[in-house]
Amino acid sequence: MNTTLSIILCCKNEKKTIKKIFDKINNLSLIPPWNKEVIIVDNCSTDGTREILSKIKQKNTRVIFQKKNIGKGHSVKVGIKLCNGYYVIPQDGDLEYDPSDINNILKFALINKHDFVIGTRFIEGKRFHKYWINEFGANFLTYIFNFLYKTKYTDIASCYKLMRLDILKKFHLKCDGFDLDYELCAKFSKKKIKTGEVKIKYSSRTFKEGRKTLFNKDNIYIDGFKALFVILREKFF
């Protein structure tokens, strides 16, 4: 069995956090005998992030500089094509998701023999987002998804999705933005495979701190409708 985990680190203008995140990933020791490879995809940063990434020389790390800003989803797809692991998991370039949780997700998948695992931020009775509109949007779309696909997920918008690479590479992925999260969940949910969720830590950023995820203040309705469209398209068309 292939015992490599591929981590796709996507970033755009994360000068303040990219080194901290990469150091966390680089220092991450996976459970034996697992090892990791890191694919970093920079989405046309202009704040000095590229200069920081250009200095990375680790053997297990590859850095890709996008020539055109198409979207985070496209960066993930670029990374997928370069992965060689048994499992693959995306990682954002900010500090909202803690790479130490990757080991817990991997352990959970191996123990339960899962092919697809979501790291859920959801906590019963507590908010995990800084803004209620983000929380409402994520929960609403998760509810619609569960109703249509007969699943029991709590956080399909989460960045942390551990996926079997051999299954993933068979999908024809169409989304290039944050809506890729929903497309991935839909395609895996339509397969007869073992899936699950495991709790993770989450430190939500404010817009002032550089939050650039689904339902930000500049494209709240557009991103929401895109995600809903993907959920419906994958189910009915």
C-alpha atoms as a PDB file:
ATOM      1  CA  MET A   1       0.000   0.000   0.000  1.00  0.00           C
ATOM      2  CA  ASN A   2       1.170   3.508  -0.864  1.00  0.00           C
ATOM      3  CA  THR A   3       1.851   5.267   2.470  1.00  0.00           C
ATOM      4  CA  THR A   4       2.276   8.821   1.194  1.00  0.00           C
ATOM      5  CA  LEU A   5      -0.107  11.652   2.056  1.00  0.00           C
ATOM      6  CA  SER A   6      -0.228  14.496  -0.467  1.00  0.00           C
ATOM      7  CA  ILE A   7      -0.893  17.948   1.002  1.00  0.00           C
ATOM      8  CA  ILE A   8      -1.954  20.678  -1.435  1.00  0.00           C
ATOM      9  CA  LEU A   9      -1.189  24.092   0.058  1.00  0.00           C
ATOM     10  CA  CYS A  10      -3.053  26.841  -1.803  1.00  0.00           C
ATOM     11  CA  CYS A  11      -2.260  30.485  -1.220  1.00  0.00           C
ATOM     12  CA  LYS A  12      -2.767  33.988  -2.555  1.00  0.00           C
ATOM     13  CA  ASN A  13      -1.282  37.055  -0.867  1.00  0.00           C
ATOM     14  CA  GLU A  14      -0.511  35.287   2.422  1.00  0.00           C
ATOM     15  CA  LYS A  15       2.844  36.938   3.171  1.00  0.00           C
ATOM     16  CA  LYS A  16       2.047  37.215   6.878  1.00  0.00           C
ATOM     17  CA  THR A  17       1.125  33.545   7.360  1.00  0.00           C
ATOM     18  CA  ILE A  18       2.609  31.404   4.593  1.00  0.00           C
ATOM     19  CA  LYS A  19       5.934  30.700   6.326  1.00  0.00           C
ATOM     20  CA  LYS A  20       4.190  29.768   9.592  1.00  0.00           C
ATOM     21  CA  ILE A  21       1.826  27.412   7.796  1.00  0.00           C
ATOM     22  CA  PHE A  22       4.581  25.796   5.753  1.00  0.00           C
ATOM     23  CA  ASP A  23       6.739  25.326   8.856  1.00  0.00           C
ATOM     24  CA  LYS A  24       3.805  23.635  10.606  1.00  0.00           C
ATOM     25  CA  ILE A  25       3.333  21.301   7.650  1.00  0.00           C
ATOM     26  CA  ASN A  26       7.052  20.657   7.245  1.00  0.00           C
ATOM     27  CA  ASN A  27       7.391  19.784  10.939  1.00  0.00           C
ATOM     28  CA  LEU A  28       4.305  17.568  10.902  1.00  0.00           C
ATOM     29  CA  SER A  29       5.211  13.955  11.734  1.00  0.00           C
ATOM     30  CA  LEU A  30       2.638  11.523  10.399  1.00  0.00           C
ATOM     31  CA  ILE A  31       1.897   8.192  12.016  1.00  0.00           C
ATOM     32  CA  PRO A  32       4.422   5.509  10.925  1.00  0.00           C
ATOM     33  CA  PRO A  33       5.001   4.408   8.238  1.00  0.00           C
ATOM     34  CA  TRP A  34       3.285   7.365   6.562  1.00  0.00           C
ATOM     35  CA  ASN A  35       5.219  10.206   4.972  1.00  0.00           C
ATOM     36  CA  LYS A  36       4.102  13.347   3.195  1.00  0.00           C
ATOM     37  CA  GLU A  37       4.637  15.264  -0.009  1.00  0.00           C
ATOM     38  CA  VAL A  38       3.693  18.926  -0.257  1.00  0.00           C
ATOM     39  CA  ILE A  39       2.418  20.645  -3.383  1.00  0.00           C
ATOM     40  CA  ILE A  40       2.269  24.429  -2.962  1.00  0.00           C
ATOM     41  CA  VAL A  41       0.192  26.326  -5.520  1.00  0.00           C
ATOM     42  CA  ASP A  42       0.465  30.108  -5.449  1.00  0.00           C
ATOM     43  CA  ASN A  43      -2.438  31.869  -7.136  1.00  0.00           C
ATOM     44  CA  CYS A  44      -0.706  34.987  -8.512  1.00  0.00           C
ATOM     45  CA  SER A  45       0.326  36.595  -5.217  1.00  0.00           C
ATOM     46  CA  THR A  46       1.576  40.177  -5.407  1.00  0.00           C
ATOM     47  CA  ASP A  47       2.400  40.897  -1.738  1.00  0.00           C
ATOM     48  CA  GLY A  48       5.742  39.094  -1.440  1.00  0.00           C
ATOM     49  CA  THR A  49       4.362  35.577  -0.905  1.00  0.00           C
ATOM     50  CA  ARG A  50       6.050  34.344  -4.079  1.00  0.00           C
ATOM     51  CA  GLU A  51       9.428  35.583  -2.925  1.00  0.00           C
ATOM     52  CA  ILE A  52       9.047  33.596   0.306  1.00  0.00           C
ATOM     53  CA  LEU A  53       7.956  30.464  -1.565  1.00  0.00           C
ATOM     54  CA  SER A  54      10.828  30.709  -4.034  1.00  0.00           C
ATOM     55  CA  LYS A  55      13.252  30.049  -1.169  1.00  0.00           C
ATOM     56  CA  ILE A  56      11.693  26.668  -0.273  1.00  0.00           C
ATOM     57  CA  LYS A  57      14.022  23.829  -1.269  1.00  0.00           C
ATOM     58  CA  GLN A  58      12.760  20.774   0.666  1.00  0.00           C
ATOM     59  CA  LYS A  59      12.966  17.451  -1.184  1.00  0.00           C
ATOM     60  CA  ASN A  60       9.348  16.499  -0.547  1.00  0.00           C
ATOM     61  CA  THR A  61       7.986  19.881  -1.608  1.00  0.00           C
ATOM     62  CA  ARG A  62       7.087  21.284  -5.008  1.00  0.00           C
ATOM     63  CA  VAL A  63       6.109  24.918  -5.603  1.00  0.00           C
ATOM     64  CA  ILE A  64       3.870  25.932  -8.509  1.00  0.00           C
ATOM     65  CA  PHE A  65       3.343  29.566  -9.503  1.00  0.00           C
ATOM     66  CA  GLN A  66       0.089  30.075 -11.371  1.00  0.00           C
ATOM     67  CA  LYS A  67       0.327  32.354 -14.406  1.00  0.00           C
ATOM     68  CA  LYS A  68      -3.331  33.372 -14.223  1.00  0.00           C
ATOM     69  CA  ASN A  69      -5.672  33.888 -11.283  1.00  0.00           C
ATOM     70  CA  ILE A  70      -8.529  31.514 -12.035  1.00  0.00           C
ATOM     71  CA  GLY A  71      -9.542  30.643  -8.478  1.00  0.00           C
ATOM     72  CA  LYS A  72      -8.727  28.506  -5.467  1.00  0.00           C
ATOM     73  CA  GLY A  73     -10.544  25.496  -6.885  1.00  0.00           C
ATOM     74  CA  HIS A  74      -8.404  25.613  -9.998  1.00  0.00           C
ATOM     75  CA  SER A  75      -5.272  25.719  -7.828  1.00  0.00           C
ATOM     76  CA  VAL A  76      -6.468  22.604  -5.989  1.00  0.00           C
ATOM     77  CA  LYS A  77      -7.037  20.833  -9.312  1.00  0.00           C
ATOM     78  CA  VAL A  78      -3.547  21.789 -10.481  1.00  0.00           C
ATOM     79  CA  GLY A  79      -2.189  20.269  -7.271  1.00  0.00           C
ATOM     80  CA  ILE A  80      -4.215  17.078  -7.677  1.00  0.00           C
ATOM     81  CA  LYS A  81      -2.596  16.369 -11.042  1.00  0.00           C
ATOM     82  CA  LEU A  82       0.845  16.477  -9.400  1.00  0.00           C
ATOM     83  CA  CYS A  83       0.044  14.321  -6.362  1.00  0.00           C
ATOM     84  CA  ASN A  84       1.422  10.817  -5.907  1.00  0.00           C
ATOM     85  CA  GLY A  85      -0.014   9.867  -2.506  1.00  0.00           C
ATOM     86  CA  TYR A  86      -2.661   7.382  -1.462  1.00  0.00           C
ATOM     87  CA  TYR A  87      -4.632  10.162   0.187  1.00  0.00           C
ATOM     88  CA  VAL A  88      -4.691  13.882  -0.623  1.00  0.00           C
ATOM     89  CA  ILE A  89      -5.847  16.810   1.530  1.00  0.00           C
ATOM     90  CA  PRO A  90      -6.026  20.558   0.733  1.00  0.00           C
ATOM     91  CA  GLN A  91      -4.610  23.164   3.128  1.00  0.00           C
ATOM     92  CA  ASP A  92      -5.265  26.913   3.109  1.00  0.00           C
ATOM     93  CA  GLY A  93      -2.380  29.363   3.317  1.00  0.00           C
ATOM     94  CA  ASP A  94      -3.776  31.247   6.300  1.00  0.00           C
ATOM     95  CA  LEU A  95      -3.908  30.140   9.931  1.00  0.00           C
ATOM     96  CA  GLU A  96      -7.586  29.207  10.132  1.00  0.00           C
ATOM     97  CA  TYR A  97      -6.888  25.475   9.809  1.00  0.00           C
ATOM     98  CA  ASP A  98      -4.235  23.863  12.014  1.00  0.00           C
ATOM     99  CA  PRO A  99      -2.062  21.282  10.167  1.00  0.00           C
ATOM    100  CA  SER A 100      -1.740  19.285  13.405  1.00  0.00           C
ATOM    101  CA  ASP A 101      -5.297  18.082  12.712  1.00  0.00           C
ATOM    102  CA  ILE A 102      -4.170  16.386   9.501  1.00  0.00           C
ATOM    103  CA  ASN A 103      -2.657  13.521  11.492  1.00  0.00           C
ATOM    104  CA  ASN A 104      -5.931  13.003  13.381  1.00  0.00           C
ATOM    105  CA  ILE A 105      -7.896  12.951  10.134  1.00  0.00           C
ATOM    106  CA  LEU A 106      -5.473  10.430   8.643  1.00  0.00           C
ATOM    107  CA  LYS A 107      -5.673   8.202  11.733  1.00  0.00           C
ATOM    108  CA  PHE A 108      -9.471   8.331  11.643  1.00  0.00           C
ATOM    109  CA  ALA A 109      -9.511   7.355   7.960  1.00  0.00           C
ATOM    110  CA  LEU A 110      -7.107   4.443   8.447  1.00  0.00           C
ATOM    111  CA  ILE A 111      -8.834   3.047  11.536  1.00  0.00           C
ATOM    112  CA  ASN A 112     -12.248   3.175   9.903  1.00  0.00           C
ATOM    113  CA  LYS A 113     -11.017   2.351   6.394  1.00  0.00           C
ATOM    114  CA  HIS A 114     -12.623   5.492   4.981  1.00  0.00           C
ATOM    115  CA  ASP A 115     -12.116   6.743   1.443  1.00  0.00           C
ATOM    116  CA  PHE A 116     -13.327  10.289   2.139  1.00  0.00           C
ATOM    117  CA  VAL A 117     -13.190  12.177   5.443  1.00  0.00           C
ATOM    118  CA  ILE A 118     -14.262  15.743   6.205  1.00  0.00           C
ATOM    119  CA  GLY A 119     -12.648  17.669   9.039  1.00  0.00           C
ATOM    120  CA  THR A 120     -15.677  19.364  10.573  1.00  0.00           C
ATOM    121  CA  ARG A 121     -15.585  22.717  12.332  1.00  0.00           C
ATOM    122  CA  PHE A 122     -19.152  22.318  13.563  1.00  0.00           C
ATOM    123  CA  ILE A 123     -19.701  22.446  17.320  1.00  0.00           C
ATOM    124  CA  GLU A 124     -23.211  21.898  18.677  1.00  0.00           C
ATOM    125  CA  GLY A 125     -24.502  25.072  20.298  1.00  0.00           C
ATOM    126  CA  LYS A 126     -21.411  27.143  19.442  1.00  0.00           C
ATOM    127  CA  ARG A 127     -20.370  29.353  16.541  1.00  0.00           C
ATOM    128  CA  PHE A 128     -17.172  28.588  14.670  1.00  0.00           C
ATOM    129  CA  HIS A 129     -17.273  31.609  12.330  1.00  0.00           C
ATOM    130  CA  LYS A 130     -16.573  35.237  13.217  1.00  0.00           C
ATOM    131  CA  TYR A 131     -19.685  36.294  11.307  1.00  0.00           C
ATOM    132  CA  TRP A 132     -23.184  34.864  11.620  1.00  0.00           C
ATOM    133  CA  ILE A 133     -23.795  35.126   7.863  1.00  0.00           C
ATOM    134  CA  ASN A 134     -20.876  32.780   7.164  1.00  0.00           C
ATOM    135  CA  GLU A 135     -22.215  30.313   9.692  1.00  0.00           C
ATOM    136  CA  PHE A 136     -25.752  30.535   8.358  1.00  0.00           C
ATOM    137  CA  GLY A 137     -24.629  30.073   4.768  1.00  0.00           C
ATOM    138  CA  ALA A 138     -22.410  27.084   5.509  1.00  0.00           C
ATOM    139  CA  ASN A 139     -25.070  25.403   7.641  1.00  0.00           C
ATOM    140  CA  PHE A 140     -27.866  26.087   5.148  1.00  0.00           C
ATOM    141  CA  LEU A 141     -25.932  24.609   2.237  1.00  0.00           C
ATOM    142  CA  THR A 142     -24.934  21.611   4.338  1.00  0.00           C
ATOM    143  CA  TYR A 143     -28.612  21.064   5.234  1.00  0.00           C
ATOM    144  CA  ILE A 144     -29.679  21.217   1.567  1.00  0.00           C
ATOM    145  CA  PHE A 145     -26.857  18.874   0.610  1.00  0.00           C
ATOM    146  CA  ASN A 146     -27.764  16.305   3.267  1.00  0.00           C
ATOM    147  CA  PHE A 147     -31.435  16.406   2.274  1.00  0.00           C
ATOM    148  CA  LEU A 148     -30.689  15.791  -1.401  1.00  0.00           C
ATOM    149  CA  TYR A 149     -27.845  13.299  -1.056  1.00  0.00           C
ATOM    150  CA  LYS A 150     -29.152  11.454   2.029  1.00  0.00           C
ATOM    151  CA  THR A 151     -25.954  12.150   3.950  1.00  0.00           C
ATOM    152  CA  LYS A 152     -25.283  13.272   7.516  1.00  0.00           C
ATOM    153  CA  TYR A 153     -22.423  15.739   7.151  1.00  0.00           C
ATOM    154  CA  THR A 154     -22.137  18.794   9.398  1.00  0.00           C
ATOM    155  CA  ASP A 155     -19.633  20.917   7.445  1.00  0.00           C
ATOM    156  CA  ILE A 156     -19.288  20.332   3.706  1.00  0.00           C
ATOM    157  CA  ALA A 157     -17.662  23.764   3.255  1.00  0.00           C
ATOM    158  CA  SER A 158     -14.617  22.747   5.304  1.00  0.00           C
ATOM    159  CA  CYS A 159     -11.253  22.982   3.571  1.00  0.00           C
ATOM    160  CA  TYR A 160     -10.057  19.760   5.194  1.00  0.00           C
ATOM    161  CA  LYS A 161     -11.206  16.885   3.005  1.00  0.00           C
ATOM    162  CA  LEU A 162      -9.059  13.752   3.049  1.00  0.00           C
ATOM    163  CA  MET A 163      -9.631  11.924  -0.238  1.00  0.00           C
ATOM    164  CA  ARG A 164      -8.447   8.729  -1.889  1.00  0.00           C
ATOM    165  CA  LEU A 165      -6.373   9.995  -4.786  1.00  0.00           C
ATOM    166  CA  ASP A 166      -7.145   7.081  -7.116  1.00  0.00           C
ATOM    167  CA  ILE A 167     -10.872   7.784  -6.800  1.00  0.00           C
ATOM    168  CA  LEU A 168     -10.404  11.553  -6.993  1.00  0.00           C
ATOM    169  CA  LYS A 169      -8.461  11.391 -10.246  1.00  0.00           C
ATOM    170  CA  LYS A 170     -11.380   9.635 -11.956  1.00  0.00           C
ATOM    171  CA  PHE A 171     -13.637  12.656 -11.447  1.00  0.00           C
ATOM    172  CA  HIS A 172     -14.110  15.328 -14.089  1.00  0.00           C
ATOM    173  CA  LEU A 173     -14.040  18.372 -11.836  1.00  0.00           C
ATOM    174  CA  LYS A 174     -15.605  21.513 -13.303  1.00  0.00           C
ATOM    175  CA  CYS A 175     -15.426  24.078 -10.498  1.00  0.00           C
ATOM    176  CA  ASP A 176     -12.579  26.581 -10.226  1.00  0.00           C
ATOM    177  CA  GLY A 177     -13.618  28.527  -7.115  1.00  0.00           C
ATOM    178  CA  PHE A 178     -14.709  27.775  -3.559  1.00  0.00           C
ATOM    179  CA  ASP A 179     -17.631  25.830  -5.054  1.00  0.00           C
ATOM    180  CA  LEU A 180     -15.158  22.986  -5.647  1.00  0.00           C
ATOM    181  CA  ASP A 181     -15.735  21.978  -1.999  1.00  0.00           C
ATOM    182  CA  TYR A 182     -19.346  21.187  -2.832  1.00  0.00           C
ATOM    183  CA  GLU A 183     -18.516  19.433  -6.071  1.00  0.00           C
ATOM    184  CA  LEU A 184     -16.062  17.164  -4.267  1.00  0.00           C
ATOM    185  CA  CYS A 185     -18.595  16.275  -1.593  1.00  0.00           C
ATOM    186  CA  ALA A 186     -21.245  15.567  -4.232  1.00  0.00           C
ATOM    187  CA  LYS A 187     -19.050  13.345  -6.374  1.00  0.00           C
ATOM    188  CA  PHE A 188     -17.756  11.316  -3.430  1.00  0.00           C
ATOM    189  CA  SER A 189     -21.267  11.012  -1.977  1.00  0.00           C
ATOM    190  CA  LYS A 190     -22.526   9.469  -5.215  1.00  0.00           C
ATOM    191  CA  LYS A 191     -19.892   6.745  -4.965  1.00  0.00           C
ATOM    192  CA  LYS A 192     -20.395   3.547  -2.965  1.00  0.00           C
ATOM    193  CA  ILE A 193     -17.506   4.250  -0.623  1.00  0.00           C
ATOM    194  CA  LYS A 194     -16.901   4.700   3.096  1.00  0.00           C
ATOM    195  CA  THR A 195     -17.080   8.299   4.269  1.00  0.00           C
ATOM    196  CA  GLY A 196     -16.965  10.049   7.617  1.00  0.00           C
ATOM    197  CA  GLU A 197     -16.242  13.183   9.641  1.00  0.00           C
ATOM    198  CA  VAL A 198     -13.878  14.033  12.462  1.00  0.00           C
ATOM    199  CA  LYS A 199     -13.691  17.166  14.622  1.00  0.00           C
ATOM    200  CA  ILE A 200     -10.964  19.721  13.924  1.00  0.00           C
ATOM    201  CA  LYS A 201      -9.802  23.012  15.390  1.00  0.00           C
ATOM    202  CA  TYR A 202     -10.665  26.248  13.610  1.00  0.00           C
ATOM    203  CA  SER A 203      -9.627  29.862  14.109  1.00  0.00           C
ATOM    204  CA  SER A 204     -11.797  32.074  11.925  1.00  0.00           C
ATOM    205  CA  ARG A 205     -10.231  35.252  10.583  1.00  0.00           C
ATOM    206  CA  THR A 206     -11.960  38.589  10.160  1.00  0.00           C
ATOM    207  CA  PHE A 207     -12.250  40.370   6.816  1.00  0.00           C
ATOM    208  CA  LYS A 208      -9.694  42.881   8.082  1.00  0.00           C
ATOM    209  CA  GLU A 209      -7.285  40.026   8.781  1.00  0.00           C
ATOM    210  CA  GLY A 210      -7.570  38.894   5.183  1.00  0.00           C
ATOM    211  CA  ARG A 211     -10.424  36.408   5.163  1.00  0.00           C
ATOM    212  CA  LYS A 212     -10.955  35.294   1.549  1.00  0.00           C
ATOM    213  CA  THR A 213     -13.315  32.349   1.774  1.00  0.00           C
ATOM    214  CA  LEU A 214     -16.896  31.521   0.857  1.00  0.00           C
ATOM    215  CA  PHE A 215     -19.391  34.216   1.874  1.00  0.00           C
ATOM    216  CA  ASN A 216     -16.951  37.086   2.271  1.00  0.00           C
ATOM    217  CA  LYS A 217     -18.317  40.596   2.287  1.00  0.00           C
ATOM    218  CA  ASP A 218     -17.593  41.206  -1.408  1.00  0.00           C
ATOM    219  CA  ASN A 219     -19.317  38.194  -2.981  1.00  0.00           C
ATOM    220  CA  ILE A 220     -21.646  36.742  -0.373  1.00  0.00           C
ATOM    221  CA  TYR A 221     -24.572  36.134  -2.705  1.00  0.00           C
ATOM    222  CA  ILE A 222     -22.564  35.121  -5.765  1.00  0.00           C
ATOM    223  CA  ASP A 223     -20.566  32.436  -3.950  1.00  0.00           C
ATOM    224  CA  GLY A 224     -23.666  31.172  -2.157  1.00  0.00           C
ATOM    225  CA  PHE A 225     -25.641  30.755  -5.364  1.00  0.00           C
ATOM    226  CA  LYS A 226     -22.661  29.138  -7.097  1.00  0.00           C
ATOM    227  CA  ALA A 227     -22.427  26.552  -4.321  1.00  0.00           C
ATOM    228  CA  LEU A 228     -26.175  25.866  -4.447  1.00  0.00           C
ATOM    229  CA  PHE A 229     -26.035  25.529  -8.222  1.00  0.00           C
ATOM    230  CA  VAL A 230     -23.243  22.945  -7.962  1.00  0.00           C
ATOM    231  CA  ILE A 231     -25.193  20.934  -5.384  1.00  0.00           C
ATOM    232  CA  LEU A 232     -28.242  20.867  -7.662  1.00  0.00           C
ATOM    233  CA  ARG A 233     -26.281  20.246 -10.863  1.00  0.00           C
ATOM    234  CA  GLU A 234     -24.417  17.274  -9.421  1.00  0.00           C
ATOM    235  CA  LYS A 235     -27.660  15.776  -8.119  1.00  0.00           C
ATOM    236  CA  PHE A 236     -29.980  16.236 -11.077  1.00  0.00           C
ATOM    237  CA  PHE A 237     -27.892  16.765 -14.213  1.00  0.00           C
END
